[in-house]
Amino acid sequence: MAASNPIQLIQNIVAKDVKSFEQFYDTYSGLSMTMAMRILRDSTRAEEVVQDVFLEIWNKAAQYQSKRGAPEAWIIVLTRSRAIDKLRGSKNKDQKTVALEETLESVLHIPQGGAAFAGMDVRLHVSGLMEKLSNEQRTALEMAYFDGMTQTEIAQTLALPLGTVKTRLRDGMQRLKALLYQHEGNQP
């Protein structure tokens, strides 16, 4: 039987262990589907995204870096990226999307000893922390991360200057990171 530790499962997937991949898929495909559905709002397209994400995990598991974030965060970022690509009908991501993904990876990082999060749906945990942000910060982050909007699109939708949107996103991310570390009992 394959290991149940997600990091060990990923290491086994690198070695092309099918049982570990199946266990990893069974554990995390629901998280991926939830994120894809939130962005695409279409079950067929969301299923395609989940398939793409797990095919990428099978082929590129060696690229996972535990120091950059928990497996849950990695899956969320991969899913979000593929869903936005599908939503936009493009395989090219703009630099703002890449930068936001990298920031979110670091925010969703679960520090070592974060056993309280083991097996938890990270998106739901972060959503709970997002309730502690200002309405302006939360709205901007939700539009950027969950709806896949660029900073320019957010500014146009909210009828705000681009600089204001950038500030809200930056401040919201910093606050979210501080809240996550506070919840974990660690210092950023």
Protein backbone atom coordinates (compact mmCIF):
# COMPACT_ATOMS: atom_id res chain seq x y z
CA MET A 1 0.00 0.00 0.00
CA ALA A 2 1.24 3.48 -0.86
CA ALA A 3 2.17 6.10 1.72
CA SER A 4 -0.55 8.49 2.95
CA ASN A 5 1.81 11.43 3.53
CA PRO A 6 1.24 13.78 0.56
CA ILE A 7 4.95 14.61 0.25
CA GLN A 8 5.80 10.90 0.19
CA LEU A 9 3.05 10.32 -2.37
CA ILE A 10 4.59 12.98 -4.62
CA GLN A 11 8.02 11.39 -4.23
CA ASN A 12 6.50 8.04 -5.19
CA ILE A 13 4.79 9.66 -8.20
CA VAL A 14 8.21 10.91 -9.34
CA ALA A 15 9.20 7.22 -9.36
CA LYS A 16 6.02 6.53 -11.42
CA ASP A 17 4.24 4.57 -8.67
CA VAL A 18 0.69 4.20 -9.99
CA LYS A 19 -0.86 3.32 -6.60
CA SER A 20 0.54 6.50 -5.04
CA PHE A 21 -0.78 8.54 -7.96
CA GLU A 22 -4.23 6.98 -7.56
CA GLN A 23 -4.20 7.77 -3.84
CA PHE A 24 -3.03 11.34 -4.51
CA TYR A 25 -5.74 11.77 -7.14
CA ASP A 26 -8.43 10.38 -4.82
CA THR A 27 -7.32 12.77 -2.08
CA TYR A 28 -6.97 15.96 -4.12
CA SER A 29 -9.11 15.72 -7.26
CA GLY A 30 -12.10 17.17 -5.38
CA LEU A 31 -10.08 20.24 -4.40
CA SER A 32 -9.00 20.69 -7.99
CA MET A 33 -12.56 20.24 -9.30
CA THR A 34 -13.92 22.79 -6.80
CA MET A 35 -11.39 25.39 -7.92
CA ALA A 36 -11.95 24.67 -11.62
CA MET A 37 -15.75 24.89 -11.23
CA ARG A 38 -15.47 28.18 -9.36
CA ILE A 39 -13.55 29.70 -12.25
CA LEU A 40 -15.18 28.02 -15.26
CA ARG A 41 -18.73 27.35 -14.04
CA ASP A 42 -18.93 24.46 -16.49
CA SER A 43 -18.49 20.86 -15.33
CA THR A 44 -17.20 19.51 -18.66
CA ARG A 45 -14.49 22.15 -18.93
CA ALA A 46 -13.67 21.80 -15.23
CA GLU A 47 -13.23 18.04 -15.64
CA GLU A 48 -10.85 18.70 -18.54
CA VAL A 49 -8.84 21.04 -16.33
CA VAL A 50 -8.64 18.47 -13.52
CA GLN A 51 -7.46 15.87 -16.04
CA ASP A 52 -4.81 18.29 -17.34
CA VAL A 53 -3.67 19.14 -13.81
CA PHE A 54 -3.22 15.53 -12.77
CA LEU A 55 -1.54 14.61 -16.05
CA GLU A 56 0.90 17.42 -15.35
CA ILE A 57 1.40 16.15 -11.79
CA TRP A 58 2.14 12.67 -13.16
CA ASN A 59 4.62 14.01 -15.72
CA LYS A 60 6.22 16.77 -13.66
CA ALA A 61 5.96 15.71 -10.01
CA ALA A 62 9.70 16.24 -9.65
CA GLN A 63 9.10 19.97 -10.06
CA TYR A 64 7.14 20.15 -6.79
CA GLN A 65 9.07 22.04 -4.09
CA SER A 66 7.79 21.58 -0.55
CA LYS A 67 9.60 24.73 0.58
CA ARG A 68 7.33 26.76 -1.74
CA GLY A 69 4.07 25.44 -0.32
CA ALA A 70 1.92 22.52 0.67
CA PRO A 71 0.67 20.05 -1.95
CA GLU A 72 -2.78 21.61 -1.60
CA ALA A 73 -1.40 25.01 -2.56
CA TRP A 74 0.45 23.51 -5.51
CA ILE A 75 -2.74 21.87 -6.78
CA ILE A 76 -4.74 25.06 -6.32
CA VAL A 77 -2.18 27.09 -8.27
CA LEU A 78 -1.94 24.49 -11.06
CA THR A 79 -5.72 24.25 -11.31
CA ARG A 80 -6.23 27.99 -11.27
CA SER A 81 -3.64 28.47 -13.97
CA ARG A 82 -5.12 25.80 -16.28
CA ALA A 83 -8.69 27.03 -15.66
CA ILE A 84 -7.77 30.61 -16.51
CA ASP A 85 -5.95 29.41 -19.62
CA LYS A 86 -9.12 27.57 -20.65
CA LEU A 87 -11.30 30.55 -19.71
CA ARG A 88 -9.23 32.89 -21.83
CA GLY A 89 -8.78 30.36 -24.59
CA SER A 90 -5.05 30.85 -24.47
CA LYS A 91 -2.03 28.91 -23.33
CA ASN A 92 -0.08 32.09 -22.64
CA LYS A 93 -0.27 33.68 -19.19
CA ASP A 94 0.51 37.32 -18.68
CA GLN A 95 3.19 38.29 -16.18
CA LYS A 96 0.66 39.68 -13.69
CA THR A 97 -1.02 36.29 -13.42
CA VAL A 98 2.32 34.56 -12.92
CA ALA A 99 3.31 37.04 -10.21
CA LEU A 100 -0.02 36.61 -8.43
CA GLU A 101 0.31 32.82 -8.51
CA GLU A 102 3.80 32.99 -7.03
CA THR A 103 2.56 35.30 -4.27
CA LEU A 104 -0.38 33.04 -3.49
CA GLU A 105 1.92 30.01 -3.37
CA SER A 106 3.94 31.72 -0.67
CA VAL A 107 0.82 32.83 1.22
CA LEU A 108 -0.67 29.34 1.14
CA HIS A 109 2.62 27.87 2.39
CA ILE A 110 1.93 25.75 5.40
CA PRO A 111 4.93 26.05 7.72
CA GLN A 112 6.58 22.86 8.95
CA GLY A 113 4.71 21.54 11.93
CA GLY A 114 1.43 22.73 10.41
CA ALA A 115 -0.23 19.38 11.09
CA ALA A 116 -3.50 21.15 11.86
CA PHE A 117 -3.93 21.60 8.10
CA ALA A 118 -3.12 18.03 7.10
CA GLY A 119 -5.85 16.85 4.76
CA MET A 120 -7.84 20.10 5.12
CA ASP A 121 -9.24 21.91 2.11
CA VAL A 122 -6.81 24.84 2.07
CA ARG A 123 -9.14 26.96 -0.06
CA LEU A 124 -11.79 26.81 2.65
CA HIS A 125 -9.25 27.67 5.33
CA VAL A 126 -7.97 30.64 3.37
CA SER A 127 -11.55 31.72 2.65
CA GLY A 128 -12.14 31.84 6.41
CA LEU A 129 -9.09 34.02 6.83
CA MET A 130 -10.23 36.20 3.95
CA GLU A 131 -13.29 37.14 6.00
CA LYS A 132 -10.87 39.01 8.26
CA LEU A 133 -9.72 41.26 5.41
CA SER A 134 -11.35 44.55 4.56
CA ASN A 135 -14.20 44.28 2.04
CA GLU A 136 -12.08 46.12 -0.52
CA GLN A 137 -9.10 43.77 -0.12
CA ARG A 138 -11.28 40.64 -0.11
CA THR A 139 -13.18 41.72 -3.24
CA ALA A 140 -9.97 42.48 -5.15
CA LEU A 141 -8.36 39.17 -4.14
CA GLU A 142 -11.46 37.14 -4.98
CA MET A 143 -11.71 38.79 -8.39
CA ALA A 144 -8.02 38.18 -9.10
CA TYR A 145 -7.63 34.71 -7.68
CA PHE A 146 -11.00 32.99 -7.94
CA ASP A 147 -12.41 34.80 -10.98
CA GLY A 148 -9.11 34.99 -12.87
CA MET A 149 -9.29 38.70 -13.59
CA THR A 150 -6.20 40.79 -14.28
CA GLN A 151 -5.49 43.91 -12.28
CA THR A 152 -6.63 46.03 -15.22
CA GLU A 153 -9.91 44.11 -15.49
CA ILE A 154 -10.52 44.55 -11.75
CA ALA A 155 -9.85 48.27 -12.02
CA GLN A 156 -12.31 48.59 -14.91
CA THR A 157 -14.99 46.48 -13.19
CA LEU A 158 -14.74 48.40 -9.91
CA ALA A 159 -14.19 51.77 -11.65
CA LEU A 160 -11.00 52.33 -9.66
CA PRO A 161 -7.53 53.55 -10.61
CA LEU A 162 -5.14 50.69 -11.39
CA GLY A 163 -2.82 51.82 -8.59
CA THR A 164 -5.62 51.48 -6.05
CA VAL A 165 -6.30 47.91 -7.18
CA LYS A 166 -2.61 47.03 -6.99
CA THR A 167 -2.43 48.45 -3.47
CA ARG A 168 -5.51 46.53 -2.34
CA LEU A 169 -4.11 43.29 -3.74
CA ARG A 170 -0.68 43.82 -2.18
CA ASP A 171 -2.08 44.86 1.20
CA GLY A 172 -4.62 42.03 1.15
CA MET A 173 -1.91 39.47 0.40
CA GLN A 174 0.30 40.82 3.17
CA ARG A 175 -2.61 40.74 5.65
CA LEU A 176 -3.61 37.23 4.55
CA LYS A 177 -0.05 36.01 5.01
CA ALA A 178 0.14 37.56 8.48
CA LEU A 179 -3.19 35.96 9.43
CA LEU A 180 -2.06 32.55 8.21
CA TYR A 181 1.15 32.73 10.20
CA GLN A 182 -0.74 34.01 13.25
CA HIS A 183 -3.16 31.09 12.97
CA GLU A 184 -0.23 28.68 12.77
CA GLY A 185 1.54 30.30 15.74
CA ASN A 186 4.59 31.20 13.67
CA GLN A 187 6.14 34.48 12.65
CA PRO A 188 6.41 35.45 8.96
